[in-house]
Amino acid sequence: MTNSVDQIETQDEEVLGPTELESLIERADLLGLKYDKRWGVEKMRELVNAAVNAEANQLPDLKAAAEAAVTTNTEVSAATLTNAVAAVAVAPKEETLSEKRYRLKQEANKLVRVHIMNMNPARKDWESDTYTVGNSLIGTITRTIPFNVDWHVEQALLNVLQERECTVFSQKKNPNTGAMETKMRKIKELHIAILPPLTPEELKALAQRQAMAAGTDHDED
């Protein structure tokens, strides 16, 4: 079994929290929108702006009331101001370097559910393989990944797996000489199917199975 290593060079720098993502989440909560906590900045911005555009024609009085309150000191209810603020579309914000690095790290470590088949004839009997990817931003990720099983891998590791190739050989008879010739070509080493994320119910059931398995292992010890 081999250990496949891919290194990406980046510069070390302090990583800070994402202010825009927090702002978008707060805006989504104001609008009463449903979202996945794993979503990043782009996805959240699309969600908020889509909701704002859909409701724009229904909230002219609210936005006008908010503007009037600013210019004329008119008292406006907190609920009215909240709705007016939520109704304003979110313009893309230029990321700071620390925000960008935080976002990239989150994206690199995002777990993706996959089903991987080994297409390398030289490893046809292998049940799993160990892969490594790393840089100064995400650190080092090493995983032993089983083949032909639904599994979760980090996005950074998945990117590397999707690019892996292997060489296959075949014999072909030369029509002119009658001699057998060896041909070689490159193919994708892994066939990777991206699966939909587990539902909350499936995640709960998986956690229960893992807890039971851990308890069984502990009893055997």
N, C-alpha and C. Protein backbone atom coordinates (compact mmCIF):
# COMPACT_ATOMS: atom_id res chain seq x y z
N MET A 1 0.85 -1.19 0.00
CA MET A 1 0.00 0.00 0.00
C MET A 1 0.89 1.24 0.00
N THR A 2 0.59 2.21 -0.83
CA THR A 2 1.44 3.38 -0.95
C THR A 2 0.83 4.57 -0.27
N ASN A 3 1.66 5.56 -0.01
CA ASN A 3 1.20 6.80 0.59
C ASN A 3 1.43 7.91 -0.42
N SER A 4 0.37 8.43 -1.04
CA SER A 4 0.48 9.42 -2.10
C SER A 4 0.47 10.80 -1.50
N VAL A 5 1.50 11.60 -1.78
CA VAL A 5 1.65 12.90 -1.14
C VAL A 5 1.62 13.99 -2.19
N ASP A 6 0.80 15.02 -1.98
CA ASP A 6 0.75 16.19 -2.85
C ASP A 6 0.94 17.42 -1.98
N GLN A 7 1.90 18.25 -2.31
CA GLN A 7 2.20 19.44 -1.52
C GLN A 7 1.87 20.68 -2.33
N ILE A 8 1.28 21.68 -1.70
CA ILE A 8 0.96 22.95 -2.32
C ILE A 8 1.64 24.04 -1.51
N GLU A 9 2.40 24.91 -2.16
CA GLU A 9 3.14 25.92 -1.43
C GLU A 9 2.27 27.15 -1.20
N THR A 10 2.18 27.61 0.04
CA THR A 10 1.51 28.86 0.37
C THR A 10 2.33 29.55 1.44
N GLN A 11 2.01 30.80 1.71
CA GLN A 11 2.71 31.54 2.73
C GLN A 11 1.95 31.47 4.03
N ASP A 12 2.69 31.35 5.14
CA ASP A 12 2.06 31.32 6.45
C ASP A 12 1.56 32.70 6.82
N GLU A 13 0.36 32.73 7.40
CA GLU A 13 -0.18 34.01 7.86
C GLU A 13 -1.30 33.74 8.84
N GLU A 14 -1.54 34.64 9.75
CA GLU A 14 -2.57 34.46 10.77
C GLU A 14 -3.94 34.42 10.12
N VAL A 15 -4.80 33.53 10.61
CA VAL A 15 -6.14 33.37 10.05
C VAL A 15 -7.16 33.93 11.02
N LEU A 16 -8.05 34.80 10.50
CA LEU A 16 -9.08 35.41 11.33
C LEU A 16 -10.46 34.99 10.85
N GLY A 17 -11.47 35.29 11.64
CA GLY A 17 -12.83 34.91 11.30
C GLY A 17 -13.42 35.74 10.18
N PRO A 18 -14.45 35.18 9.51
CA PRO A 18 -15.06 35.82 8.35
C PRO A 18 -16.17 36.79 8.75
N THR A 19 -15.93 38.07 8.61
CA THR A 19 -16.95 39.04 9.01
C THR A 19 -18.12 39.07 8.03
N GLU A 20 -17.84 38.90 6.73
CA GLU A 20 -18.92 38.95 5.76
C GLU A 20 -19.85 37.76 5.92
N LEU A 21 -19.30 36.58 6.16
CA LEU A 21 -20.14 35.40 6.34
C LEU A 21 -21.06 35.56 7.54
N GLU A 22 -20.52 36.09 8.63
CA GLU A 22 -21.35 36.31 9.82
C GLU A 22 -22.46 37.31 9.52
N SER A 23 -22.13 38.35 8.74
CA SER A 23 -23.13 39.35 8.37
C SER A 23 -24.23 38.75 7.51
N LEU A 24 -23.85 37.88 6.58
CA LEU A 24 -24.83 37.24 5.71
C LEU A 24 -25.73 36.29 6.49
N ILE A 25 -25.16 35.57 7.44
CA ILE A 25 -25.96 34.67 8.27
C ILE A 25 -26.97 35.47 9.09
N GLU A 26 -26.53 36.60 9.62
CA GLU A 26 -27.45 37.45 10.39
C GLU A 26 -28.57 37.98 9.50
N ARG A 27 -28.21 38.38 8.27
CA ARG A 27 -29.23 38.87 7.33
C ARG A 27 -30.22 37.76 6.97
N ALA A 28 -29.71 36.56 6.76
CA ALA A 28 -30.59 35.43 6.44
C ALA A 28 -31.55 35.14 7.59
N ASP A 29 -31.06 35.25 8.82
CA ASP A 29 -31.93 35.05 9.98
C ASP A 29 -33.02 36.11 10.05
N LEU A 30 -32.66 37.35 9.72
CA LEU A 30 -33.65 38.43 9.71
C LEU A 30 -34.75 38.17 8.69
N LEU A 31 -34.35 37.59 7.56
CA LEU A 31 -35.31 37.30 6.50
C LEU A 31 -36.06 35.98 6.74
N GLY A 32 -35.67 35.25 7.77
CA GLY A 32 -36.33 33.97 8.05
C GLY A 32 -35.99 32.90 7.04
N LEU A 33 -34.79 32.97 6.47
CA LEU A 33 -34.40 32.01 5.43
C LEU A 33 -33.78 30.76 6.05
N LYS A 34 -33.95 29.65 5.36
CA LYS A 34 -33.33 28.40 5.79
C LYS A 34 -32.03 28.22 5.01
N TYR A 35 -30.99 27.79 5.68
CA TYR A 35 -29.70 27.62 5.03
C TYR A 35 -28.90 26.54 5.75
N ASP A 36 -27.89 26.05 5.05
CA ASP A 36 -27.00 25.04 5.61
C ASP A 36 -25.82 25.75 6.26
N LYS A 37 -25.52 25.41 7.51
CA LYS A 37 -24.43 26.07 8.23
C LYS A 37 -23.07 25.83 7.58
N ARG A 38 -23.01 24.87 6.66
CA ARG A 38 -21.75 24.60 5.99
C ARG A 38 -21.53 25.48 4.77
N TRP A 39 -22.54 26.28 4.39
CA TRP A 39 -22.43 27.12 3.21
C TRP A 39 -21.38 28.20 3.42
N GLY A 40 -20.73 28.59 2.32
CA GLY A 40 -19.73 29.65 2.37
C GLY A 40 -20.32 30.99 1.99
N VAL A 41 -19.43 31.97 1.79
CA VAL A 41 -19.85 33.35 1.53
C VAL A 41 -20.67 33.47 0.25
N GLU A 42 -20.19 32.88 -0.85
CA GLU A 42 -20.87 33.02 -2.13
C GLU A 42 -22.28 32.45 -2.08
N LYS A 43 -22.42 31.27 -1.50
CA LYS A 43 -23.72 30.61 -1.43
C LYS A 43 -24.69 31.42 -0.57
N MET A 44 -24.21 31.92 0.56
CA MET A 44 -25.06 32.71 1.44
C MET A 44 -25.47 34.02 0.77
N ARG A 45 -24.53 34.65 0.05
CA ARG A 45 -24.86 35.90 -0.62
C ARG A 45 -25.93 35.68 -1.68
N GLU A 46 -25.82 34.57 -2.44
CA GLU A 46 -26.83 34.26 -3.45
C GLU A 46 -28.20 34.05 -2.82
N LEU A 47 -28.22 33.35 -1.69
CA LEU A 47 -29.48 33.08 -1.00
C LEU A 47 -30.14 34.38 -0.55
N VAL A 48 -29.36 35.24 0.09
CA VAL A 48 -29.92 36.49 0.62
C VAL A 48 -30.39 37.39 -0.51
N ASN A 49 -29.58 37.55 -1.56
CA ASN A 49 -29.97 38.43 -2.65
C ASN A 49 -31.18 37.91 -3.41
N ALA A 50 -31.28 36.58 -3.54
CA ALA A 50 -32.46 36.00 -4.21
C ALA A 50 -33.72 36.32 -3.42
N ALA A 51 -33.64 36.21 -2.10
CA ALA A 51 -34.80 36.51 -1.27
C ALA A 51 -35.15 37.98 -1.32
N VAL A 52 -34.13 38.83 -1.32
CA VAL A 52 -34.37 40.27 -1.37
C VAL A 52 -35.03 40.66 -2.68
N ASN A 53 -34.52 40.12 -3.79
CA ASN A 53 -35.09 40.45 -5.10
C ASN A 53 -36.53 39.97 -5.22
N ALA A 54 -36.82 38.82 -4.62
CA ALA A 54 -38.18 38.27 -4.69
C ALA A 54 -39.17 39.12 -3.92
N GLU A 55 -38.68 39.76 -2.84
CA GLU A 55 -39.57 40.53 -1.98
C GLU A 55 -39.49 42.03 -2.23
N ALA A 56 -38.66 42.44 -3.20
CA ALA A 56 -38.43 43.87 -3.39
C ALA A 56 -39.72 44.64 -3.69
N ASN A 57 -40.59 44.03 -4.49
CA ASN A 57 -41.82 44.72 -4.86
C ASN A 57 -42.85 44.73 -3.73
N GLN A 58 -42.62 43.92 -2.71
CA GLN A 58 -43.58 43.84 -1.61
C GLN A 58 -43.20 44.73 -0.44
N LEU A 59 -41.98 45.35 -0.50
CA LEU A 59 -41.50 46.10 0.66
C LEU A 59 -41.17 47.57 0.38
N PRO A 60 -41.78 48.22 -0.63
CA PRO A 60 -41.42 49.61 -0.90
C PRO A 60 -41.75 50.53 0.26
N ASP A 61 -42.86 50.29 0.93
CA ASP A 61 -43.26 51.16 2.04
C ASP A 61 -42.29 51.04 3.20
N LEU A 62 -41.78 49.84 3.44
CA LEU A 62 -40.84 49.64 4.55
C LEU A 62 -39.55 50.39 4.30
N LYS A 63 -39.02 50.28 3.08
CA LYS A 63 -37.77 50.96 2.78
C LYS A 63 -37.96 52.47 2.79
N ALA A 64 -39.10 52.93 2.29
CA ALA A 64 -39.38 54.36 2.31
C ALA A 64 -39.49 54.87 3.74
N ALA A 65 -40.10 54.07 4.60
CA ALA A 65 -40.24 54.47 6.00
C ALA A 65 -38.89 54.58 6.68
N ALA A 66 -38.00 53.65 6.36
CA ALA A 66 -36.67 53.70 6.96
C ALA A 66 -35.90 54.93 6.50
N GLU A 67 -36.02 55.25 5.19
CA GLU A 67 -35.34 56.44 4.67
C GLU A 67 -35.91 57.70 5.30
N ALA A 68 -37.25 57.73 5.47
CA ALA A 68 -37.88 58.90 6.08
C ALA A 68 -37.43 59.08 7.52
N ALA A 69 -37.25 57.98 8.22
CA ALA A 69 -36.83 58.06 9.62
C ALA A 69 -35.44 58.66 9.73
N VAL A 70 -34.58 58.36 8.76
CA VAL A 70 -33.21 58.88 8.79
C VAL A 70 -33.19 60.37 8.48
N THR A 71 -34.03 60.80 7.50
CA THR A 71 -33.95 62.18 7.04
C THR A 71 -34.84 63.14 7.82
N THR A 72 -35.91 62.63 8.48
CA THR A 72 -36.85 63.56 9.13
C THR A 72 -37.01 63.29 10.61
N ASN A 73 -36.26 62.32 11.16
CA ASN A 73 -36.37 62.00 12.58
C ASN A 73 -37.72 61.40 12.95
N THR A 74 -38.48 60.93 11.98
CA THR A 74 -39.77 60.32 12.26
C THR A 74 -39.55 59.02 13.02
N GLU A 75 -40.37 58.76 14.03
CA GLU A 75 -40.24 57.52 14.80
C GLU A 75 -40.79 56.36 13.98
N VAL A 76 -40.01 55.32 13.86
CA VAL A 76 -40.42 54.13 13.13
C VAL A 76 -40.19 52.94 14.04
N SER A 77 -41.09 51.97 14.01
CA SER A 77 -40.97 50.82 14.90
C SER A 77 -39.72 50.02 14.59
N ALA A 78 -39.23 49.33 15.61
CA ALA A 78 -38.03 48.50 15.43
C ALA A 78 -38.26 47.41 14.40
N ALA A 79 -39.47 46.86 14.39
CA ALA A 79 -39.78 45.80 13.42
C ALA A 79 -39.72 46.33 12.00
N THR A 80 -40.23 47.56 11.79
CA THR A 80 -40.21 48.16 10.47
C THR A 80 -38.77 48.37 9.99
N LEU A 81 -37.93 48.90 10.89
CA LEU A 81 -36.53 49.12 10.53
C LEU A 81 -35.80 47.81 10.25
N THR A 82 -36.11 46.80 11.05
CA THR A 82 -35.47 45.50 10.85
C THR A 82 -35.82 44.94 9.49
N ASN A 83 -37.10 45.01 9.12
CA ASN A 83 -37.53 44.51 7.82
C ASN A 83 -36.91 45.31 6.68
N ALA A 84 -36.79 46.62 6.88
CA ALA A 84 -36.21 47.47 5.85
C ALA A 84 -34.73 47.14 5.64
N VAL A 85 -34.01 46.93 6.72
CA VAL A 85 -32.60 46.57 6.62
C VAL A 85 -32.44 45.23 5.93
N ALA A 86 -33.30 44.28 6.28
CA ALA A 86 -33.22 42.95 5.68
C ALA A 86 -33.53 42.98 4.21
N ALA A 87 -34.29 44.01 3.77
CA ALA A 87 -34.72 44.08 2.38
C ALA A 87 -33.66 44.66 1.46
N VAL A 88 -32.53 45.08 1.99
CA VAL A 88 -31.47 45.68 1.18
C VAL A 88 -30.57 44.58 0.64
N ALA A 89 -30.35 44.57 -0.67
CA ALA A 89 -29.50 43.55 -1.28
C ALA A 89 -28.07 43.68 -0.78
N VAL A 90 -27.37 42.55 -0.76
CA VAL A 90 -26.00 42.51 -0.26
C VAL A 90 -25.03 42.64 -1.44
N ALA A 91 -24.23 43.67 -1.44
CA ALA A 91 -23.23 43.84 -2.49
C ALA A 91 -22.00 43.00 -2.15
N PRO A 92 -21.35 42.41 -3.17
CA PRO A 92 -20.14 41.64 -2.89
C PRO A 92 -19.11 42.50 -2.18
N LYS A 93 -18.48 41.94 -1.18
CA LYS A 93 -17.49 42.67 -0.39
C LYS A 93 -16.10 42.17 -0.73
N GLU A 94 -15.18 43.10 -0.88
CA GLU A 94 -13.81 42.71 -1.16
C GLU A 94 -13.20 42.09 0.09
N GLU A 95 -12.73 40.87 -0.04
CA GLU A 95 -12.18 40.14 1.10
C GLU A 95 -10.82 40.68 1.51
N THR A 96 -10.59 40.69 2.80
CA THR A 96 -9.23 40.94 3.28
C THR A 96 -8.44 39.65 3.09
N LEU A 97 -7.13 39.74 3.21
CA LEU A 97 -6.29 38.55 3.04
C LEU A 97 -6.61 37.50 4.09
N SER A 98 -6.84 37.94 5.33
CA SER A 98 -7.13 36.98 6.39
C SER A 98 -8.49 36.32 6.18
N GLU A 99 -9.47 37.09 5.69
CA GLU A 99 -10.79 36.52 5.41
C GLU A 99 -10.71 35.51 4.28
N LYS A 100 -9.92 35.82 3.26
CA LYS A 100 -9.77 34.90 2.13
C LYS A 100 -9.12 33.60 2.58
N ARG A 101 -8.09 33.71 3.41
CA ARG A 101 -7.40 32.52 3.88
C ARG A 101 -8.32 31.66 4.75
N TYR A 102 -9.14 32.32 5.57
CA TYR A 102 -10.10 31.58 6.40
C TYR A 102 -11.09 30.84 5.51
N ARG A 103 -11.61 31.53 4.49
CA ARG A 103 -12.58 30.91 3.59
C ARG A 103 -11.96 29.72 2.86
N LEU A 104 -10.75 29.89 2.36
CA LEU A 104 -10.09 28.80 1.64
C LEU A 104 -9.83 27.60 2.55
N LYS A 105 -9.48 27.87 3.81
CA LYS A 105 -9.25 26.78 4.74
C LYS A 105 -10.56 26.03 5.02
N GLN A 106 -11.65 26.77 5.20
CA GLN A 106 -12.95 26.14 5.43
C GLN A 106 -13.37 25.30 4.24
N GLU A 107 -13.16 25.84 3.03
CA GLU A 107 -13.53 25.11 1.82
C GLU A 107 -12.67 23.85 1.66
N ALA A 108 -11.39 23.95 1.98
CA ALA A 108 -10.48 22.81 1.84
C ALA A 108 -10.85 21.67 2.78
N ASN A 109 -11.35 22.01 3.96
CA ASN A 109 -11.67 20.99 4.97
C ASN A 109 -13.12 20.54 4.94
N LYS A 110 -13.90 21.08 4.02
CA LYS A 110 -15.30 20.67 3.91
C LYS A 110 -15.38 19.20 3.53
N LEU A 111 -16.19 18.44 4.24
CA LEU A 111 -16.32 17.01 3.97
C LEU A 111 -17.30 16.78 2.82
N VAL A 112 -16.90 15.91 1.91
CA VAL A 112 -17.73 15.55 0.76
C VAL A 112 -17.97 14.05 0.79
N ARG A 113 -19.21 13.65 0.59
CA ARG A 113 -19.57 12.23 0.60
C ARG A 113 -19.33 11.64 -0.79
N VAL A 114 -18.57 10.57 -0.85
CA VAL A 114 -18.16 10.01 -2.14
C VAL A 114 -18.23 8.49 -2.12
N HIS A 115 -18.18 7.92 -3.32
CA HIS A 115 -18.03 6.47 -3.51
C HIS A 115 -16.91 6.31 -4.52
N ILE A 116 -15.81 5.68 -4.11
CA ILE A 116 -14.60 5.62 -4.94
C ILE A 116 -14.32 4.19 -5.38
N MET A 117 -14.11 4.03 -6.69
CA MET A 117 -13.73 2.73 -7.26
C MET A 117 -12.29 2.83 -7.77
N ASN A 118 -11.50 1.81 -7.49
CA ASN A 118 -10.11 1.76 -7.94
C ASN A 118 -10.07 1.19 -9.36
N MET A 119 -9.56 1.97 -10.32
CA MET A 119 -9.51 1.55 -11.71
C MET A 119 -8.10 1.13 -12.14
N ASN A 120 -7.17 1.10 -11.21
CA ASN A 120 -5.78 0.76 -11.52
C ASN A 120 -5.63 -0.76 -11.54
N PRO A 121 -5.35 -1.36 -12.70
CA PRO A 121 -5.21 -2.82 -12.77
C PRO A 121 -4.11 -3.36 -11.86
N ALA A 122 -3.07 -2.57 -11.63
CA ALA A 122 -1.97 -3.02 -10.79
C ALA A 122 -2.37 -3.09 -9.32
N ARG A 123 -3.51 -2.48 -8.98
CA ARG A 123 -3.97 -2.48 -7.59
C ARG A 123 -5.39 -3.05 -7.48
N LYS A 124 -5.73 -3.94 -8.38
CA LYS A 124 -7.11 -4.42 -8.45
C LYS A 124 -7.55 -5.16 -7.19
N ASP A 125 -6.59 -5.70 -6.44
CA ASP A 125 -6.94 -6.44 -5.23
C ASP A 125 -6.90 -5.57 -3.97
N TRP A 126 -6.57 -4.33 -4.13
CA TRP A 126 -6.49 -3.45 -2.97
C TRP A 126 -7.88 -3.07 -2.48
N GLU A 127 -8.08 -3.11 -1.19
CA GLU A 127 -9.36 -2.72 -0.61
C GLU A 127 -9.37 -1.25 -0.18
N SER A 128 -8.20 -0.64 -0.08
CA SER A 128 -8.10 0.76 0.32
C SER A 128 -6.72 1.29 -0.07
N ASP A 129 -6.55 2.59 0.07
CA ASP A 129 -5.24 3.20 -0.14
C ASP A 129 -5.14 4.43 0.75
N THR A 130 -3.92 4.86 1.04
CA THR A 130 -3.69 6.01 1.92
C THR A 130 -3.17 7.18 1.10
N TYR A 131 -3.79 8.33 1.29
CA TYR A 131 -3.43 9.52 0.52
C TYR A 131 -3.16 10.68 1.48
N THR A 132 -2.30 11.58 1.03
CA THR A 132 -1.94 12.75 1.85
C THR A 132 -1.91 14.00 0.98
N VAL A 133 -2.44 15.08 1.51
CA VAL A 133 -2.33 16.40 0.88
C VAL A 133 -2.04 17.39 1.99
N GLY A 134 -1.28 18.43 1.68
CA GLY A 134 -0.98 19.39 2.74
C GLY A 134 -0.30 20.64 2.24
N ASN A 135 -0.47 21.71 2.98
CA ASN A 135 0.25 22.96 2.77
C ASN A 135 0.22 23.76 4.06
N SER A 136 0.81 24.95 4.04
CA SER A 136 0.89 25.73 5.27
C SER A 136 -0.45 26.30 5.69
N LEU A 137 -1.44 26.31 4.79
CA LEU A 137 -2.76 26.85 5.12
C LEU A 137 -3.62 25.82 5.84
N ILE A 138 -3.72 24.62 5.27
CA ILE A 138 -4.62 23.61 5.83
C ILE A 138 -3.89 22.58 6.69
N GLY A 139 -2.56 22.64 6.72
CA GLY A 139 -1.82 21.62 7.44
C GLY A 139 -1.72 20.36 6.59
N THR A 140 -1.58 19.22 7.22
CA THR A 140 -1.46 17.94 6.51
C THR A 140 -2.70 17.09 6.76
N ILE A 141 -3.30 16.61 5.68
CA ILE A 141 -4.45 15.72 5.76
C ILE A 141 -4.04 14.36 5.22
N THR A 142 -4.10 13.34 6.04
CA THR A 142 -3.79 11.97 5.63
C THR A 142 -5.00 11.08 5.93
N ARG A 143 -5.46 10.37 4.92
CA ARG A 143 -6.64 9.52 5.09
C ARG A 143 -6.42 8.17 4.40
N THR A 144 -6.82 7.10 5.07
CA THR A 144 -6.92 5.79 4.43
C THR A 144 -8.35 5.65 3.95
N ILE A 145 -8.52 5.56 2.64
CA ILE A 145 -9.85 5.59 2.04
C ILE A 145 -10.19 4.21 1.49
N PRO A 146 -11.28 3.61 1.93
CA PRO A 146 -11.69 2.31 1.41
C PRO A 146 -12.34 2.47 0.04
N PHE A 147 -12.17 1.47 -0.81
CA PHE A 147 -12.80 1.48 -2.13
C PHE A 147 -14.16 0.79 -2.06
N ASN A 148 -15.05 1.22 -2.96
CA ASN A 148 -16.38 0.62 -3.11
C ASN A 148 -17.22 0.75 -1.84
N VAL A 149 -17.01 1.83 -1.11
CA VAL A 149 -17.77 2.11 0.11
C VAL A 149 -18.11 3.59 0.14
N ASP A 150 -19.32 3.94 0.56
CA ASP A 150 -19.66 5.35 0.75
C ASP A 150 -18.79 5.92 1.87
N TRP A 151 -18.16 7.07 1.61
CA TRP A 151 -17.18 7.60 2.55
C TRP A 151 -17.18 9.12 2.49
N HIS A 152 -16.56 9.74 3.50
CA HIS A 152 -16.41 11.19 3.51
C HIS A 152 -14.92 11.56 3.43
N VAL A 153 -14.60 12.50 2.52
CA VAL A 153 -13.22 12.99 2.40
C VAL A 153 -13.24 14.51 2.35
N GLU A 154 -12.14 15.13 2.76
CA GLU A 154 -12.03 16.58 2.67
C GLU A 154 -11.94 17.03 1.21
N GLN A 155 -12.47 18.22 0.93
CA GLN A 155 -12.47 18.74 -0.42
C GLN A 155 -11.06 18.84 -1.00
N ALA A 156 -10.09 19.27 -0.19
CA ALA A 156 -8.71 19.38 -0.67
C ALA A 156 -8.17 18.02 -1.12
N LEU A 157 -8.49 16.98 -0.38
CA LEU A 157 -8.04 15.64 -0.73
C LEU A 157 -8.79 15.14 -1.96
N LEU A 158 -10.07 15.44 -2.03
CA LEU A 158 -10.87 15.03 -3.18
C LEU A 158 -10.31 15.65 -4.47
N ASN A 159 -9.90 16.91 -4.41
CA ASN A 159 -9.34 17.56 -5.60
C ASN A 159 -8.12 16.80 -6.12
N VAL A 160 -7.29 16.31 -5.21
CA VAL A 160 -6.10 15.55 -5.60
C VAL A 160 -6.50 14.20 -6.18
N LEU A 161 -7.44 13.53 -5.54
CA LEU A 161 -7.87 12.20 -6.01
C LEU A 161 -8.44 12.27 -7.42
N GLN A 162 -9.17 13.35 -7.72
CA GLN A 162 -9.79 13.48 -9.03
C GLN A 162 -8.77 13.65 -10.15
N GLU A 163 -7.56 14.08 -9.80
CA GLU A 163 -6.52 14.31 -10.81
C GLU A 163 -5.58 13.11 -10.99
N ARG A 164 -5.70 12.11 -10.15
CA ARG A 164 -4.76 10.98 -10.21
C ARG A 164 -4.97 10.16 -11.48
N GLU A 165 -3.85 9.73 -12.07
CA GLU A 165 -3.87 8.90 -13.26
C GLU A 165 -2.96 7.70 -13.06
N CYS A 166 -3.19 6.68 -13.88
CA CYS A 166 -2.29 5.52 -13.89
C CYS A 166 -2.09 5.09 -15.34
N THR A 167 -1.07 4.28 -15.56
CA THR A 167 -0.75 3.79 -16.90
C THR A 167 -1.23 2.36 -17.05
N VAL A 168 -1.94 2.07 -18.14
CA VAL A 168 -2.39 0.71 -18.42
C VAL A 168 -1.75 0.24 -19.73
N PHE A 169 -1.51 -1.06 -19.82
CA PHE A 169 -0.85 -1.64 -20.98
C PHE A 169 -1.78 -2.63 -21.66
N SER A 170 -1.67 -2.69 -22.97
CA SER A 170 -2.47 -3.64 -23.74
C SER A 170 -1.62 -4.19 -24.89
N GLN A 171 -1.96 -5.40 -25.32
CA GLN A 171 -1.25 -6.05 -26.42
C GLN A 171 -2.08 -5.95 -27.70
N LYS A 172 -1.42 -5.55 -28.76
CA LYS A 172 -2.11 -5.44 -30.05
C LYS A 172 -1.21 -5.99 -31.16
N LYS A 173 -1.82 -6.75 -32.06
CA LYS A 173 -1.06 -7.36 -33.14
C LYS A 173 -0.83 -6.36 -34.26
N ASN A 174 0.43 -6.24 -34.68
CA ASN A 174 0.77 -5.35 -35.79
C ASN A 174 0.30 -6.00 -37.09
N PRO A 175 -0.60 -5.34 -37.84
CA PRO A 175 -1.14 -5.96 -39.05
C PRO A 175 -0.09 -6.16 -40.15
N ASN A 176 1.00 -5.42 -40.09
CA ASN A 176 2.03 -5.53 -41.12
C ASN A 176 3.04 -6.63 -40.83
N THR A 177 3.44 -6.73 -39.57
CA THR A 177 4.49 -7.70 -39.21
C THR A 177 3.93 -8.94 -38.53
N GLY A 178 2.72 -8.84 -38.01
CA GLY A 178 2.15 -9.95 -37.28
C GLY A 178 2.66 -10.08 -35.86
N ALA A 179 3.58 -9.21 -35.48
CA ALA A 179 4.15 -9.26 -34.13
C ALA A 179 3.22 -8.55 -33.14
N MET A 180 3.25 -9.04 -31.90
CA MET A 180 2.45 -8.41 -30.85
C MET A 180 3.21 -7.19 -30.31
N GLU A 181 2.50 -6.09 -30.20
CA GLU A 181 3.09 -4.86 -29.70
C GLU A 181 2.38 -4.42 -28.43
N THR A 182 3.17 -3.85 -27.54
CA THR A 182 2.61 -3.36 -26.28
C THR A 182 2.27 -1.88 -26.41
N LYS A 183 1.03 -1.56 -26.12
CA LYS A 183 0.57 -0.18 -26.14
C LYS A 183 0.30 0.26 -24.71
N MET A 184 0.60 1.52 -24.43
CA MET A 184 0.28 2.04 -23.10
C MET A 184 -0.48 3.35 -23.23
N ARG A 185 -1.34 3.60 -22.25
CA ARG A 185 -2.12 4.83 -22.24
C ARG A 185 -2.45 5.21 -20.81
N LYS A 186 -2.76 6.48 -20.62
CA LYS A 186 -3.11 7.01 -19.31
C LYS A 186 -4.63 6.97 -19.12
N ILE A 187 -5.05 6.57 -17.92
CA ILE A 187 -6.47 6.62 -17.57
C ILE A 187 -6.60 7.20 -16.15
N LYS A 188 -7.80 7.61 -15.81
CA LYS A 188 -8.06 8.05 -14.44
C LYS A 188 -7.91 6.86 -13.50
N GLU A 189 -7.13 7.03 -12.46
CA GLU A 189 -6.89 5.92 -11.54
C GLU A 189 -8.12 5.60 -10.69
N LEU A 190 -8.92 6.61 -10.41
CA LEU A 190 -10.07 6.44 -9.53
C LEU A 190 -11.34 6.91 -10.20
N HIS A 191 -12.38 6.12 -10.07
CA HIS A 191 -13.71 6.55 -10.51
C HIS A 191 -14.44 7.05 -9.26
N ILE A 192 -14.75 8.35 -9.24
CA ILE A 192 -15.30 8.97 -8.03
C ILE A 192 -16.71 9.47 -8.30
N ALA A 193 -17.66 8.95 -7.54
CA ALA A 193 -19.04 9.43 -7.61
C ALA A 193 -19.29 10.34 -6.42
N ILE A 194 -19.74 11.57 -6.70
CA ILE A 194 -20.07 12.52 -5.63
C ILE A 194 -21.51 12.24 -5.19
N LEU A 195 -21.69 11.93 -3.93
CA LEU A 195 -23.00 11.58 -3.39
C LEU A 195 -23.63 12.77 -2.67
N PRO A 196 -24.96 12.81 -2.59
CA PRO A 196 -25.61 13.89 -1.84
C PRO A 196 -25.28 13.79 -0.36
N PRO A 197 -25.25 14.93 0.35
CA PRO A 197 -24.96 14.89 1.79
C PRO A 197 -26.00 14.07 2.54
N LEU A 198 -25.60 13.53 3.66
CA LEU A 198 -26.54 12.79 4.51
C LEU A 198 -27.57 13.75 5.10
N THR A 199 -28.79 13.26 5.24
CA THR A 199 -29.84 14.05 5.89
C THR A 199 -29.58 14.06 7.40
N PRO A 200 -30.20 15.00 8.13
CA PRO A 200 -30.03 15.00 9.59
C PRO A 200 -30.38 13.66 10.22
N GLU A 201 -31.42 12.99 9.70
CA GLU A 201 -31.81 11.69 10.24
C GLU A 201 -30.72 10.65 9.99
N GLU A 202 -30.14 10.69 8.78
CA GLU A 202 -29.08 9.73 8.45
C GLU A 202 -27.83 9.99 9.28
N LEU A 203 -27.53 11.28 9.51
CA LEU A 203 -26.37 11.62 10.34
C LEU A 203 -26.55 11.11 11.76
N LYS A 204 -27.78 11.25 12.28
CA LYS A 204 -28.06 10.78 13.64
C LYS A 204 -27.91 9.27 13.73
N ALA A 205 -28.44 8.57 12.72
CA ALA A 205 -28.33 7.11 12.71
C ALA A 205 -26.87 6.67 12.61
N LEU A 206 -26.08 7.39 11.79
CA LEU A 206 -24.67 7.07 11.64
C LEU A 206 -23.93 7.27 12.96
N ALA A 207 -24.23 8.37 13.65
CA ALA A 207 -23.58 8.64 14.94
C ALA A 207 -23.91 7.54 15.95
N GLN A 208 -25.16 7.06 15.92
CA GLN A 208 -25.56 5.99 16.84
C GLN A 208 -24.81 4.70 16.53
N ARG A 209 -24.67 4.38 15.24
CA ARG A 209 -23.94 3.16 14.86
C ARG A 209 -22.47 3.25 15.26
N GLN A 210 -21.88 4.43 15.07
CA GLN A 210 -20.48 4.60 15.44
C GLN A 210 -20.29 4.49 16.95
N ALA A 211 -21.25 5.05 17.71
CA ALA A 211 -21.17 4.97 19.16
C ALA A 211 -21.29 3.53 19.64
N MET A 212 -22.19 2.77 19.01
CA MET A 212 -22.36 1.37 19.37
C MET A 212 -21.10 0.57 19.02
N ALA A 213 -20.51 0.87 17.85
CA ALA A 213 -19.30 0.16 17.44
C ALA A 213 -18.15 0.48 18.39
N ALA A 214 -18.05 1.74 18.80
CA ALA A 214 -17.00 2.13 19.74
C ALA A 214 -17.18 1.43 21.08
N GLY A 215 -18.43 1.28 21.52
CA GLY A 215 -18.71 0.59 22.77
C GLY A 215 -18.36 -0.88 22.70
N THR A 216 -18.61 -1.49 21.54
CA THR A 216 -18.27 -2.90 21.35
C THR A 216 -16.77 -3.11 21.39
N ASP A 217 -16.03 -2.20 20.72
CA ASP A 217 -14.57 -2.31 20.72
C ASP A 217 -14.02 -2.16 22.13
N HIS A 218 -14.63 -1.27 22.91
CA HIS A 218 -14.16 -1.04 24.28
C HIS A 218 -14.40 -2.28 25.15
N ASP A 219 -15.56 -2.93 24.95
CA ASP A 219 -15.87 -4.14 25.72
C ASP A 219 -14.88 -5.25 25.41
N GLU A 220 -14.48 -5.36 24.12
CA GLU A 220 -13.56 -6.41 23.72
C GLU A 220 -12.18 -6.20 24.32
N ASP A 221 -11.81 -4.90 24.50
CA ASP A 221 -10.52 -4.61 25.12
C ASP A 221 -10.51 -5.02 26.59
